[in-house]
Amino acid sequence: MTHPQFPNPNHGNPSEPSARTWQESMKLAFRDAFQLLEHLEIAADDLPLAHRASIQFPIFVPLEYANRMHRGQPKDPLLLQVLPRAEEDWELEGFTTDPVGDLAVESRPGLLHKYPGRVLMIVSGVCAIHCRYCFRRHFPYSHAPKSLFEWEESLQYIEQDSSIQEVILSGGDPLAVVDSTFGSLVQRIERIGHLKRLRIHTRLPVVIPQRVTSELCEVLRQTRLAIWFVLHINHAREMDDHLINAIQQLRKSGTNVLNQTVLLRGINDDVDTLVELSEQLVNHSVQPYYLHQLDRVSGASHFEVAIDRGKELMREIRKRLPGYAVPTYVQEEAGKASKTPIDLTPPNSTDSP
């Protein structure tokens, strides 16, 4: 059965561009796990669902993303990223609601000043997809600013600190706001003379590629700031023709495009999958940036891959790819001044004299 609100217009013809706007796709996204499984012709008994977790952190999956999943396959790597599972109810030591220490560095509502020279603005608490391993799944978005007027306090904080050269727009997803609001925010940011760079962390173009509109590209093209777009792609199957076209539009606007990936058990924790992803990225001029060790957020313990296994994977990736195609394997630790690169030295190895 297709999504109850409309027929499945793109199934069987993935190269056909969607006629829906990104806002329409947000409205029509799956919000019920059983409807998603029915759409994919998967029996609910094959995947024990977490009812309590799905209430605390509701499912949200656009049709554009769901149509990249393989029907009848309960272990599809895209499906496993978004489906509430019974394992989310596990309570394991070391897994917390604020695993990277965001709340301790919140200088103003929604403004995180964690690292020297840059600040992060929570532009929106809305996401285009709810990834079950999200490290901000428990973040108190309700108190974060939601308009240009409310962001002004944070912007004045930035103006008063000339050591800040870069603003990172994050969320939620910063592209969940409409183009006019996003453009006004960018214009306000670029009026702060000591700022040089604007970084945009987003998954929205990955799951709804038509979010990369001509209006958005024009905003990026006109700003004096150096623009760095950081996409979040975990698996090569997420890179369909629509996303590749969106990436091309971003690059034509003068935007630098990077990607970060989270290492996830049962989804991308094998060499072939990670190599294929990196090759797809560099083939379309996207720089593999980070491979993240899972942030230990409550409800996501079943996604964790042992760091020793991650090191093994990275050593094999280095053998198979040119250096520019190899992401940096990192871990974020609360209170540290930067992401921590993970040492890939094999155990019990010694340096040559």
C-alpha atoms as a PDB file:
ATOM      1  CA  MET A   1       0.000   0.000   0.000  1.00  0.00           C
ATOM      2  CA  THR A   2       1.226   3.499  -0.763  1.00  0.00           C
ATOM      3  CA  HIS A   3       1.214   6.432   1.601  1.00  0.00           C
ATOM      4  CA  PRO A   4      -2.467   7.037   2.420  1.00  0.00           C
ATOM      5  CA  GLN A   5      -2.370  10.709   1.456  1.00  0.00           C
ATOM      6  CA  PHE A   6      -1.300  10.301  -2.145  1.00  0.00           C
ATOM      7  CA  PRO A   7      -0.289   7.655  -4.688  1.00  0.00           C
ATOM      8  CA  ASN A   8       3.363   6.754  -5.001  1.00  0.00           C
ATOM      9  CA  PRO A   9       4.279   9.029  -7.943  1.00  0.00           C
ATOM     10  CA  ASN A  10       7.999   8.332  -8.136  1.00  0.00           C
ATOM     11  CA  HIS A  11       8.164   4.582  -7.432  1.00  0.00           C
ATOM     12  CA  GLY A  12       9.612   2.733 -10.399  1.00  0.00           C
ATOM     13  CA  ASN A  13      10.993   5.889 -12.022  1.00  0.00           C
ATOM     14  CA  PRO A  14      13.573   7.354  -9.615  1.00  0.00           C
ATOM     15  CA  SER A  15      15.005   9.723 -12.220  1.00  0.00           C
ATOM     16  CA  GLU A  16      11.671  11.557 -12.568  1.00  0.00           C
ATOM     17  CA  PRO A  17      11.925  14.874 -10.660  1.00  0.00           C
ATOM     18  CA  SER A  18       9.329  15.476  -8.001  1.00  0.00           C
ATOM     19  CA  ALA A  19       6.711  18.098  -8.724  1.00  0.00           C
ATOM     20  CA  ARG A  20       6.248  18.767  -5.004  1.00  0.00           C
ATOM     21  CA  THR A  21       7.859  21.661  -3.209  1.00  0.00           C
ATOM     22  CA  TRP A  22      10.033  20.824  -0.227  1.00  0.00           C
ATOM     23  CA  GLN A  23       7.382  22.277   2.083  1.00  0.00           C
ATOM     24  CA  GLU A  24       4.748  19.962   0.597  1.00  0.00           C
ATOM     25  CA  SER A  25       7.072  17.024   1.109  1.00  0.00           C
ATOM     26  CA  MET A  26       7.515  17.966   4.749  1.00  0.00           C
ATOM     27  CA  LYS A  27       3.735  17.996   5.207  1.00  0.00           C
ATOM     28  CA  LEU A  28       3.322  14.608   3.524  1.00  0.00           C
ATOM     29  CA  ALA A  29       6.124  12.785   5.344  1.00  0.00           C
ATOM     30  CA  PHE A  30       5.469   9.496   7.130  1.00  0.00           C
ATOM     31  CA  ARG A  31       4.710  10.051  10.813  1.00  0.00           C
ATOM     32  CA  ASP A  32       3.685   6.499  11.621  1.00  0.00           C
ATOM     33  CA  ALA A  33       6.053   3.518  11.642  1.00  0.00           C
ATOM     34  CA  PHE A  34       3.361   1.012  10.665  1.00  0.00           C
ATOM     35  CA  GLN A  35       2.396   3.087   7.617  1.00  0.00           C
ATOM     36  CA  LEU A  36       6.041   3.258   6.568  1.00  0.00           C
ATOM     37  CA  LEU A  37       6.444  -0.511   6.910  1.00  0.00           C
ATOM     38  CA  GLU A  38       3.215  -1.097   5.003  1.00  0.00           C
ATOM     39  CA  HIS A  39       4.481   1.198   2.237  1.00  0.00           C
ATOM     40  CA  LEU A  40       7.656  -0.911   2.084  1.00  0.00           C
ATOM     41  CA  GLU A  41       5.736  -4.217   2.174  1.00  0.00           C
ATOM     42  CA  ILE A  42       7.452  -5.274   5.395  1.00  0.00           C
ATOM     43  CA  ALA A  43       5.641  -7.104   8.184  1.00  0.00           C
ATOM     44  CA  ALA A  44       5.761  -5.228  11.490  1.00  0.00           C
ATOM     45  CA  ASP A  45       6.618  -8.510  13.244  1.00  0.00           C
ATOM     46  CA  ASP A  46       9.999  -8.490  11.469  1.00  0.00           C
ATOM     47  CA  LEU A  47      11.119  -5.362  13.325  1.00  0.00           C
ATOM     48  CA  PRO A  48      10.040  -4.971  16.967  1.00  0.00           C
ATOM     49  CA  LEU A  49       9.089  -1.304  17.306  1.00  0.00           C
ATOM     50  CA  ALA A  50       9.704   0.971  20.272  1.00  0.00           C
ATOM     51  CA  HIS A  51       6.331   2.483  21.075  1.00  0.00           C
ATOM     52  CA  ARG A  52       7.584   4.596  23.986  1.00  0.00           C
ATOM     53  CA  ALA A  53      10.541   5.905  21.968  1.00  0.00           C
ATOM     54  CA  SER A  54       8.323   6.748  19.003  1.00  0.00           C
ATOM     55  CA  ILE A  55       6.232   8.961  21.288  1.00  0.00           C
ATOM     56  CA  GLN A  56       9.235  10.683  22.853  1.00  0.00           C
ATOM     57  CA  PHE A  57      10.988  11.095  19.484  1.00  0.00           C
ATOM     58  CA  PRO A  58       8.370  10.681  16.732  1.00  0.00           C
ATOM     59  CA  ILE A  59       9.112   9.079  13.398  1.00  0.00           C
ATOM     60  CA  PHE A  60       9.404  11.521  10.494  1.00  0.00           C
ATOM     61  CA  VAL A  61      10.410  10.246   7.028  1.00  0.00           C
ATOM     62  CA  PRO A  62       9.759  12.037   3.703  1.00  0.00           C
ATOM     63  CA  LEU A  63       8.534   9.935   0.811  1.00  0.00           C
ATOM     64  CA  GLU A  64      11.560  10.970  -1.265  1.00  0.00           C
ATOM     65  CA  TYR A  65      13.785   9.192   1.256  1.00  0.00           C
ATOM     66  CA  ALA A  66      11.451   6.235   1.796  1.00  0.00           C
ATOM     67  CA  ASN A  67      11.418   5.531  -1.941  1.00  0.00           C
ATOM     68  CA  ARG A  68      15.174   4.884  -1.850  1.00  0.00           C
ATOM     69  CA  MET A  69      14.567   1.995   0.556  1.00  0.00           C
ATOM     70  CA  HIS A  70      14.232  -1.508  -0.867  1.00  0.00           C
ATOM     71  CA  ARG A  71      10.810  -3.000  -0.501  1.00  0.00           C
ATOM     72  CA  GLY A  72      10.453  -6.187   1.498  1.00  0.00           C
ATOM     73  CA  GLN A  73      13.866  -5.792   3.175  1.00  0.00           C
ATOM     74  CA  PRO A  74      13.609  -5.215   6.955  1.00  0.00           C
ATOM     75  CA  LYS A  75      17.383  -4.718   7.202  1.00  0.00           C
ATOM     76  CA  ASP A  76      17.536  -2.013   4.578  1.00  0.00           C
ATOM     77  CA  PRO A  77      20.302   0.391   5.747  1.00  0.00           C
ATOM     78  CA  LEU A  78      18.194   3.490   5.100  1.00  0.00           C
ATOM     79  CA  LEU A  79      15.184   2.092   6.935  1.00  0.00           C
ATOM     80  CA  LEU A  80      17.246   1.128   9.990  1.00  0.00           C
ATOM     81  CA  GLN A  81      18.377   4.740  10.404  1.00  0.00           C
ATOM     82  CA  VAL A  82      14.830   6.032  10.918  1.00  0.00           C
ATOM     83  CA  LEU A  83      12.694   3.221  12.351  1.00  0.00           C
ATOM     84  CA  PRO A  84      12.029   3.272  16.123  1.00  0.00           C
ATOM     85  CA  ARG A  85      13.320  -0.030  17.472  1.00  0.00           C
ATOM     86  CA  ALA A  86      12.766  -1.813  20.771  1.00  0.00           C
ATOM     87  CA  GLU A  87      16.484  -1.393  21.509  1.00  0.00           C
ATOM     88  CA  GLU A  88      15.899   2.321  22.081  1.00  0.00           C
ATOM     89  CA  ASP A  89      14.457   1.421  25.470  1.00  0.00           C
ATOM     90  CA  TRP A  90      17.801   0.006  26.617  1.00  0.00           C
ATOM     91  CA  GLU A  91      19.435   1.996  29.394  1.00  0.00           C
ATOM     92  CA  LEU A  92      23.218   1.653  29.207  1.00  0.00           C
ATOM     93  CA  GLU A  93      25.859   3.336  31.318  1.00  0.00           C
ATOM     94  CA  GLY A  94      27.605   6.186  29.521  1.00  0.00           C
ATOM     95  CA  PHE A  95      24.634   7.066  27.291  1.00  0.00           C
ATOM     96  CA  THR A  96      23.114  10.436  28.224  1.00  0.00           C
ATOM     97  CA  THR A  97      20.658  13.033  26.948  1.00  0.00           C
ATOM     98  CA  ASP A  98      23.443  15.573  26.262  1.00  0.00           C
ATOM     99  CA  PRO A  99      26.399  13.461  25.124  1.00  0.00           C
ATOM    100  CA  VAL A 100      28.516  16.279  23.653  1.00  0.00           C
ATOM    101  CA  GLY A 101      27.892  18.887  26.349  1.00  0.00           C
ATOM    102  CA  ASP A 102      25.853  21.342  24.285  1.00  0.00           C
ATOM    103  CA  LEU A 103      23.975  22.811  27.232  1.00  0.00           C
ATOM    104  CA  ALA A 104      27.165  23.634  29.131  1.00  0.00           C
ATOM    105  CA  VAL A 105      28.391  25.907  26.305  1.00  0.00           C
ATOM    106  CA  GLU A 106      25.134  27.693  25.479  1.00  0.00           C
ATOM    107  CA  SER A 107      26.234  31.332  25.702  1.00  0.00           C
ATOM    108  CA  ARG A 108      22.844  32.688  24.653  1.00  0.00           C
ATOM    109  CA  PRO A 109      19.598  30.824  23.942  1.00  0.00           C
ATOM    110  CA  GLY A 110      20.341  28.625  20.934  1.00  0.00           C
ATOM    111  CA  LEU A 111      23.951  29.877  20.588  1.00  0.00           C
ATOM    112  CA  LEU A 112      26.724  27.394  21.376  1.00  0.00           C
ATOM    113  CA  HIS A 113      30.253  28.753  21.818  1.00  0.00           C
ATOM    114  CA  LYS A 114      32.186  25.544  22.183  1.00  0.00           C
ATOM    115  CA  TYR A 115      35.303  26.035  20.066  1.00  0.00           C
ATOM    116  CA  PRO A 116      37.692  29.003  19.546  1.00  0.00           C
ATOM    117  CA  GLY A 117      36.956  31.228  16.570  1.00  0.00           C
ATOM    118  CA  ARG A 118      33.486  29.895  15.783  1.00  0.00           C
ATOM    119  CA  VAL A 119      29.984  29.683  17.190  1.00  0.00           C
ATOM    120  CA  LEU A 120      27.001  27.510  16.359  1.00  0.00           C
ATOM    121  CA  MET A 121      23.451  28.833  16.010  1.00  0.00           C
ATOM    122  CA  ILE A 122      20.441  26.560  16.477  1.00  0.00           C
ATOM    123  CA  VAL A 123      18.398  28.051  13.647  1.00  0.00           C
ATOM    124  CA  SER A 124      15.484  25.628  13.860  1.00  0.00           C
ATOM    125  CA  GLY A 125      14.417  22.669  15.969  1.00  0.00           C
ATOM    126  CA  VAL A 126      12.724  21.119  12.936  1.00  0.00           C
ATOM    127  CA  CYS A 127      14.349  18.357  10.873  1.00  0.00           C
ATOM    128  CA  ALA A 128      13.318  16.869   7.534  1.00  0.00           C
ATOM    129  CA  ILE A 129      13.956  13.397   8.928  1.00  0.00           C
ATOM    130  CA  HIS A 130      14.305  11.971  12.419  1.00  0.00           C
ATOM    131  CA  CYS A 131      17.480   9.898  12.543  1.00  0.00           C
ATOM    132  CA  ARG A 132      17.220   7.582  15.539  1.00  0.00           C
ATOM    133  CA  TYR A 133      20.891   8.104  16.508  1.00  0.00           C
ATOM    134  CA  CYS A 134      20.600  11.930  16.561  1.00  0.00           C
ATOM    135  CA  PHE A 135      22.783  13.375  19.325  1.00  0.00           C
ATOM    136  CA  ARG A 136      20.326  16.257  19.772  1.00  0.00           C
ATOM    137  CA  ARG A 137      17.189  14.118  19.979  1.00  0.00           C
ATOM    138  CA  HIS A 138      16.737  15.344  23.595  1.00  0.00           C
ATOM    139  CA  PHE A 139      17.802  18.972  23.045  1.00  0.00           C
ATOM    140  CA  PRO A 140      15.347  21.541  24.507  1.00  0.00           C
ATOM    141  CA  TYR A 141      14.523  23.257  21.221  1.00  0.00           C
ATOM    142  CA  SER A 142      11.505  25.016  22.692  1.00  0.00           C
ATOM    143  CA  HIS A 143      13.657  27.770  24.215  1.00  0.00           C
ATOM    144  CA  ALA A 144      15.808  28.361  21.111  1.00  0.00           C
ATOM    145  CA  PRO A 145      15.133  31.502  18.987  1.00  0.00           C
ATOM    146  CA  LYS A 146      12.689  31.091  16.117  1.00  0.00           C
ATOM    147  CA  SER A 147      12.823  34.449  14.313  1.00  0.00           C
ATOM    148  CA  LEU A 148      15.299  37.089  13.209  1.00  0.00           C
ATOM    149  CA  PHE A 149      14.143  39.277  16.099  1.00  0.00           C
ATOM    150  CA  GLU A 150      14.824  36.501  18.616  1.00  0.00           C
ATOM    151  CA  TRP A 151      18.246  35.748  17.069  1.00  0.00           C
ATOM    152  CA  GLU A 152      19.338  39.357  17.578  1.00  0.00           C
ATOM    153  CA  GLU A 153      20.671  38.710  21.087  1.00  0.00           C
ATOM    154  CA  SER A 154      22.982  36.014  19.723  1.00  0.00           C
ATOM    155  CA  LEU A 155      24.044  38.194  16.807  1.00  0.00           C
ATOM    156  CA  GLN A 156      24.976  41.012  19.157  1.00  0.00           C
ATOM    157  CA  TYR A 157      27.033  38.523  21.185  1.00  0.00           C
ATOM    158  CA  ILE A 158      28.905  37.623  17.994  1.00  0.00           C
ATOM    159  CA  GLU A 159      29.424  41.294  17.128  1.00  0.00           C
ATOM    160  CA  GLN A 160      31.063  41.913  20.484  1.00  0.00           C
ATOM    161  CA  ASP A 161      33.652  39.119  20.073  1.00  0.00           C
ATOM    162  CA  SER A 162      36.062  39.904  17.256  1.00  0.00           C
ATOM    163  CA  SER A 163      37.817  36.544  17.700  1.00  0.00           C
ATOM    164  CA  ILE A 164      34.819  34.835  16.093  1.00  0.00           C
ATOM    165  CA  GLN A 165      35.404  34.376  12.353  1.00  0.00           C
ATOM    166  CA  GLU A 166      32.886  31.661  11.534  1.00  0.00           C
ATOM    167  CA  VAL A 167      29.206  31.061  12.225  1.00  0.00           C
ATOM    168  CA  ILE A 168      27.830  27.536  11.942  1.00  0.00           C
ATOM    169  CA  LEU A 169      24.114  27.230  11.215  1.00  0.00           C
ATOM    170  CA  SER A 170      22.680  24.029  12.616  1.00  0.00           C
ATOM    171  CA  GLY A 171      19.611  22.649  14.348  1.00  0.00           C
ATOM    172  CA  GLY A 172      17.423  20.674  13.972  1.00  0.00           C
ATOM    173  CA  ASP A 173      18.099  21.737  10.423  1.00  0.00           C
ATOM    174  CA  PRO A 174      18.834  25.350   9.427  1.00  0.00           C
ATOM    175  CA  LEU A 175      17.221  24.805   6.021  1.00  0.00           C
ATOM    176  CA  ALA A 176      13.872  24.036   7.665  1.00  0.00           C
ATOM    177  CA  VAL A 177      13.215  27.786   7.560  1.00  0.00           C
ATOM    178  CA  VAL A 178      11.916  29.325   4.338  1.00  0.00           C
ATOM    179  CA  ASP A 179      14.280  31.001   1.885  1.00  0.00           C
ATOM    180  CA  SER A 180      13.214  34.546   2.758  1.00  0.00           C
ATOM    181  CA  THR A 181      13.936  34.012   6.462  1.00  0.00           C
ATOM    182  CA  PHE A 182      17.176  32.174   5.725  1.00  0.00           C
ATOM    183  CA  GLY A 183      18.277  34.940   3.372  1.00  0.00           C
ATOM    184  CA  SER A 184      17.525  37.646   5.935  1.00  0.00           C
ATOM    185  CA  LEU A 185      19.550  35.787   8.540  1.00  0.00           C
ATOM    186  CA  VAL A 186      22.520  35.398   6.182  1.00  0.00           C
ATOM    187  CA  GLN A 187      22.393  39.109   5.326  1.00  0.00           C
ATOM    188  CA  ARG A 188      22.341  40.025   9.006  1.00  0.00           C
ATOM    189  CA  ILE A 189      25.285  37.730   9.720  1.00  0.00           C
ATOM    190  CA  GLU A 190      27.413  39.099   6.888  1.00  0.00           C
ATOM    191  CA  ARG A 191      27.017  42.628   8.246  1.00  0.00           C
ATOM    192  CA  ILE A 192      29.251  41.592  11.155  1.00  0.00           C
ATOM    193  CA  GLY A 193      32.563  42.750   9.744  1.00  0.00           C
ATOM    194  CA  HIS A 194      34.937  40.345  11.440  1.00  0.00           C
ATOM    195  CA  LEU A 195      33.099  37.236  10.189  1.00  0.00           C
ATOM    196  CA  LYS A 196      34.750  35.463   7.256  1.00  0.00           C
ATOM    197  CA  ARG A 197      32.929  32.142   6.882  1.00  0.00           C
ATOM    198  CA  LEU A 198      29.451  30.676   7.109  1.00  0.00           C
ATOM    199  CA  ARG A 199      29.043  26.947   7.578  1.00  0.00           C
ATOM    200  CA  ILE A 200      25.690  25.224   7.067  1.00  0.00           C
ATOM    201  CA  HIS A 201      25.170  21.749   8.550  1.00  0.00           C
ATOM    202  CA  THR A 202      22.160  20.137   6.931  1.00  0.00           C
ATOM    203  CA  ARG A 203      20.595  16.820   6.036  1.00  0.00           C
ATOM    204  CA  LEU A 204      17.554  18.352   4.373  1.00  0.00           C
ATOM    205  CA  PRO A 205      18.881  18.321   0.767  1.00  0.00           C
ATOM    206  CA  VAL A 206      19.796  14.649   1.257  1.00  0.00           C
ATOM    207  CA  VAL A 207      16.273  13.580   2.173  1.00  0.00           C
ATOM    208  CA  ILE A 208      14.330  16.206   0.158  1.00  0.00           C
ATOM    209  CA  PRO A 209      16.669  17.307  -2.658  1.00  0.00           C
ATOM    210  CA  GLN A 210      14.254  19.921  -4.006  1.00  0.00           C
ATOM    211  CA  ARG A 211      15.104  21.980  -0.906  1.00  0.00           C
ATOM    212  CA  VAL A 212      18.021  23.327  -2.949  1.00  0.00           C
ATOM    213  CA  THR A 213      15.981  26.016  -4.669  1.00  0.00           C
ATOM    214  CA  SER A 214      17.118  28.721  -7.041  1.00  0.00           C
ATOM    215  CA  GLU A 215      16.306  31.246  -4.295  1.00  0.00           C
ATOM    216  CA  LEU A 216      18.564  29.453  -1.819  1.00  0.00           C
ATOM    217  CA  CYS A 217      21.396  29.265  -4.347  1.00  0.00           C
ATOM    218  CA  GLU A 218      21.046  32.987  -5.035  1.00  0.00           C
ATOM    219  CA  VAL A 219      21.404  33.763  -1.318  1.00  0.00           C
ATOM    220  CA  LEU A 220      24.586  31.693  -1.232  1.00  0.00           C
ATOM    221  CA  ARG A 221      25.914  33.238  -4.444  1.00  0.00           C
ATOM    222  CA  GLN A 222      25.465  36.840  -3.292  1.00  0.00           C
ATOM    223  CA  THR A 223      27.024  36.724   0.170  1.00  0.00           C
ATOM    224  CA  ARG A 224      30.571  37.989   0.734  1.00  0.00           C
ATOM    225  CA  LEU A 225      31.172  35.143   3.205  1.00  0.00           C
ATOM    226  CA  ALA A 226      32.938  31.936   2.223  1.00  0.00           C
ATOM    227  CA  ILE A 227      30.209  29.284   2.293  1.00  0.00           C
ATOM    228  CA  TRP A 228      30.844  25.735   3.465  1.00  0.00           C
ATOM    229  CA  PHE A 229      27.946  23.313   3.138  1.00  0.00           C
ATOM    230  CA  VAL A 230      28.260  20.177   5.282  1.00  0.00           C
ATOM    231  CA  LEU A 231      25.870  17.451   4.188  1.00  0.00           C
ATOM    232  CA  HIS A 232      25.125  14.343   6.244  1.00  0.00           C
ATOM    233  CA  ILE A 233      25.178  11.203   4.093  1.00  0.00           C
ATOM    234  CA  ASN A 234      25.746   7.805   5.700  1.00  0.00           C
ATOM    235  CA  HIS A 235      25.281   5.417   2.794  1.00  0.00           C
ATOM    236  CA  ALA A 236      25.839   5.542  -0.968  1.00  0.00           C
ATOM    237  CA  ARG A 237      22.198   4.587  -1.585  1.00  0.00           C
ATOM    238  CA  GLU A 238      21.209   7.999  -0.220  1.00  0.00           C
ATOM    239  CA  MET A 239      22.886   9.587  -3.255  1.00  0.00           C
ATOM    240  CA  ASP A 240      20.224   9.375  -5.924  1.00  0.00           C
ATOM    241  CA  ASP A 241      20.032  11.478  -9.093  1.00  0.00           C
ATOM    242  CA  HIS A 242      17.986  14.178  -7.355  1.00  0.00           C
ATOM    243  CA  LEU A 243      20.600  14.695  -4.637  1.00  0.00           C
ATOM    244  CA  ILE A 244      23.441  14.694  -7.166  1.00  0.00           C
ATOM    245  CA  ASN A 245      21.639  17.407  -9.131  1.00  0.00           C
ATOM    246  CA  ALA A 246      21.130  19.425  -5.928  1.00  0.00           C
ATOM    247  CA  ILE A 247      24.848  19.147  -5.151  1.00  0.00           C
ATOM    248  CA  GLN A 248      25.663  20.414  -8.646  1.00  0.00           C
ATOM    249  CA  GLN A 249      23.405  23.428  -8.091  1.00  0.00           C
ATOM    250  CA  LEU A 250      25.131  24.211  -4.792  1.00  0.00           C
ATOM    251  CA  ARG A 251      28.554  24.037  -6.403  1.00  0.00           C
ATOM    252  CA  LYS A 252      27.448  26.307  -9.250  1.00  0.00           C
ATOM    253  CA  SER A 253      26.537  28.901  -6.615  1.00  0.00           C
ATOM    254  CA  GLY A 254      30.166  28.923  -5.448  1.00  0.00           C
ATOM    255  CA  THR A 255      29.508  26.762  -2.404  1.00  0.00           C
ATOM    256  CA  ASN A 256      32.096  24.348  -1.030  1.00  0.00           C
ATOM    257  CA  VAL A 257      30.442  21.008  -0.218  1.00  0.00           C
ATOM    258  CA  LEU A 258      31.651  18.591   2.444  1.00  0.00           C
ATOM    259  CA  ASN A 259      30.083  15.487   3.935  1.00  0.00           C
ATOM    260  CA  GLN A 260      30.084  13.955   7.362  1.00  0.00           C
ATOM    261  CA  THR A 261      29.074  10.383   8.143  1.00  0.00           C
ATOM    262  CA  VAL A 262      28.220   8.629  11.382  1.00  0.00           C
ATOM    263  CA  LEU A 263      29.606   5.113  11.805  1.00  0.00           C
ATOM    264  CA  LEU A 264      26.526   2.965  12.462  1.00  0.00           C
ATOM    265  CA  ARG A 265      26.279  -0.711  13.317  1.00  0.00           C
ATOM    266  CA  GLY A 266      24.497  -2.757  10.676  1.00  0.00           C
ATOM    267  CA  ILE A 267      24.282   0.223   8.326  1.00  0.00           C
ATOM    268  CA  ASN A 268      27.751   1.237   7.163  1.00  0.00           C
ATOM    269  CA  ASP A 269      30.212  -0.614   9.422  1.00  0.00           C
ATOM    270  CA  ASP A 270      31.979  -2.493   6.638  1.00  0.00           C
ATOM    271  CA  VAL A 271      34.793  -1.475   4.321  1.00  0.00           C
ATOM    272  CA  ASP A 272      32.965  -1.911   1.026  1.00  0.00           C
ATOM    273  CA  THR A 273      30.075   0.310   2.109  1.00  0.00           C
ATOM    274  CA  LEU A 274      32.325   3.126   3.354  1.00  0.00           C
ATOM    275  CA  VAL A 275      34.596   2.945   0.297  1.00  0.00           C
ATOM    276  CA  GLU A 276      31.601   3.080  -2.041  1.00  0.00           C
ATOM    277  CA  LEU A 277      30.264   6.113  -0.195  1.00  0.00           C
ATOM    278  CA  SER A 278      33.578   7.982  -0.387  1.00  0.00           C
ATOM    279  CA  GLU A 279      33.923   7.176  -4.080  1.00  0.00           C
ATOM    280  CA  GLN A 280      30.409   8.438  -4.774  1.00  0.00           C
ATOM    281  CA  LEU A 281      31.137  11.633  -2.872  1.00  0.00           C
ATOM    282  CA  VAL A 282      34.400  12.512  -4.607  1.00  0.00           C
ATOM    283  CA  ASN A 283      32.972  11.512  -7.991  1.00  0.00           C
ATOM    284  CA  HIS A 284      30.532  14.385  -7.492  1.00  0.00           C
ATOM    285  CA  SER A 285      33.061  16.822  -6.000  1.00  0.00           C
ATOM    286  CA  VAL A 286      32.004  16.405  -2.374  1.00  0.00           C
ATOM    287  CA  GLN A 287      34.857  16.172   0.138  1.00  0.00           C
ATOM    288  CA  PRO A 288      34.560  13.360   2.710  1.00  0.00           C
ATOM    289  CA  TYR A 289      35.092  15.370   5.900  1.00  0.00           C
ATOM    290  CA  TYR A 290      34.425  13.378   9.057  1.00  0.00           C
ATOM    291  CA  LEU A 291      33.560   9.814   9.959  1.00  0.00           C
ATOM    292  CA  HIS A 292      32.033  10.249  13.408  1.00  0.00           C
ATOM    293  CA  GLN A 293      32.197   7.730  16.174  1.00  0.00           C
ATOM    294  CA  LEU A 294      28.635   7.564  17.495  1.00  0.00           C
ATOM    295  CA  ASP A 295      27.775  10.229  20.050  1.00  0.00           C
ATOM    296  CA  ARG A 296      26.524   8.267  23.061  1.00  0.00           C
ATOM    297  CA  VAL A 297      23.008   9.665  23.231  1.00  0.00           C
ATOM    298  CA  SER A 298      20.318   7.867  25.200  1.00  0.00           C
ATOM    299  CA  GLY A 299      18.302   5.589  22.933  1.00  0.00           C
ATOM    300  CA  ALA A 300      21.037   4.979  20.350  1.00  0.00           C
ATOM    301  CA  SER A 301      23.296   2.389  22.001  1.00  0.00           C
ATOM    302  CA  HIS A 302      22.341  -0.292  19.461  1.00  0.00           C
ATOM    303  CA  PHE A 303      23.977   1.792  16.708  1.00  0.00           C
ATOM    304  CA  GLU A 304      27.402   1.907  18.387  1.00  0.00           C
ATOM    305  CA  VAL A 305      30.412   0.344  16.665  1.00  0.00           C
ATOM    306  CA  ALA A 306      33.451  -0.415  18.827  1.00  0.00           C
ATOM    307  CA  ILE A 307      36.267   2.087  18.284  1.00  0.00           C
ATOM    308  CA  ASP A 308      38.737  -0.730  17.601  1.00  0.00           C
ATOM    309  CA  ARG A 309      36.472  -1.897  14.786  1.00  0.00           C
ATOM    310  CA  GLY A 310      36.318   1.670  13.476  1.00  0.00           C
ATOM    311  CA  LYS A 311      40.098   1.819  13.435  1.00  0.00           C
ATOM    312  CA  GLU A 312      40.263  -1.422  11.450  1.00  0.00           C
ATOM    313  CA  LEU A 313      37.834  -0.024   8.909  1.00  0.00           C
ATOM    314  CA  MET A 314      39.776   3.212   8.556  1.00  0.00           C
ATOM    315  CA  ARG A 315      43.081   1.391   8.029  1.00  0.00           C
ATOM    316  CA  GLU A 316      41.495  -0.639   5.223  1.00  0.00           C
ATOM    317  CA  ILE A 317      39.878   2.449   3.679  1.00  0.00           C
ATOM    318  CA  ARG A 318      43.283   4.150   3.572  1.00  0.00           C
ATOM    319  CA  LYS A 319      44.631   1.230   1.551  1.00  0.00           C
ATOM    320  CA  ARG A 320      41.877   1.447  -1.036  1.00  0.00           C
ATOM    321  CA  LEU A 321      41.329   5.184  -1.550  1.00  0.00           C
ATOM    322  CA  PRO A 322      43.433   8.238  -2.406  1.00  0.00           C
ATOM    323  CA  GLY A 323      44.084  10.491   0.575  1.00  0.00           C
ATOM    324  CA  TYR A 324      41.595  13.186  -0.454  1.00  0.00           C
ATOM    325  CA  ALA A 325      38.803  10.579  -0.385  1.00  0.00           C
ATOM    326  CA  VAL A 326      39.516   9.414   3.174  1.00  0.00           C
ATOM    327  CA  PRO A 327      37.486  11.107   5.932  1.00  0.00           C
ATOM    328  CA  THR A 328      39.011  11.876   9.317  1.00  0.00           C
ATOM    329  CA  TYR A 329      37.789   9.461  11.992  1.00  0.00           C
ATOM    330  CA  VAL A 330      36.781  11.594  14.964  1.00  0.00           C
ATOM    331  CA  GLN A 331      35.057  11.507  18.316  1.00  0.00           C
ATOM    332  CA  GLU A 332      33.407  14.452  20.025  1.00  0.00           C
ATOM    333  CA  GLU A 333      33.993  14.665  23.748  1.00  0.00           C
ATOM    334  CA  ALA A 334      32.258  17.148  26.027  1.00  0.00           C
ATOM    335  CA  GLY A 335      34.609  19.854  27.272  1.00  0.00           C
ATOM    336  CA  LYS A 336      37.299  19.313  24.619  1.00  0.00           C
ATOM    337  CA  ALA A 337      38.414  22.280  22.508  1.00  0.00           C
ATOM    338  CA  SER A 338      37.822  20.459  19.219  1.00  0.00           C
ATOM    339  CA  LYS A 339      36.741  17.183  17.699  1.00  0.00           C
ATOM    340  CA  THR A 340      39.290  14.512  18.651  1.00  0.00           C
ATOM    341  CA  PRO A 341      40.896  12.566  15.771  1.00  0.00           C
ATOM    342  CA  ILE A 342      41.086   8.888  16.675  1.00  0.00           C
ATOM    343  CA  ASP A 343      44.582   7.411  16.518  1.00  0.00           C
ATOM    344  CA  LEU A 344      44.622   4.622  13.925  1.00  0.00           C
ATOM    345  CA  THR A 345      47.867   3.028  15.132  1.00  0.00           C
ATOM    346  CA  PRO A 346      47.320  -0.746  15.335  1.00  0.00           C
ATOM    347  CA  PRO A 347      47.424  -2.230  18.862  1.00  0.00           C
ATOM    348  CA  ASN A 348      50.831  -3.457  20.060  1.00  0.00           C
ATOM    349  CA  SER A 349      52.603  -1.743  17.160  1.00  0.00           C
ATOM    350  CA  THR A 350      55.941  -0.028  17.742  1.00  0.00           C
ATOM    351  CA  ASP A 351      57.617   2.749  15.841  1.00  0.00           C
ATOM    352  CA  SER A 352      60.757   1.884  13.958  1.00  0.00           C
ATOM    353  CA  PRO A 353      63.975   2.994  15.743  1.00  0.00           C
END
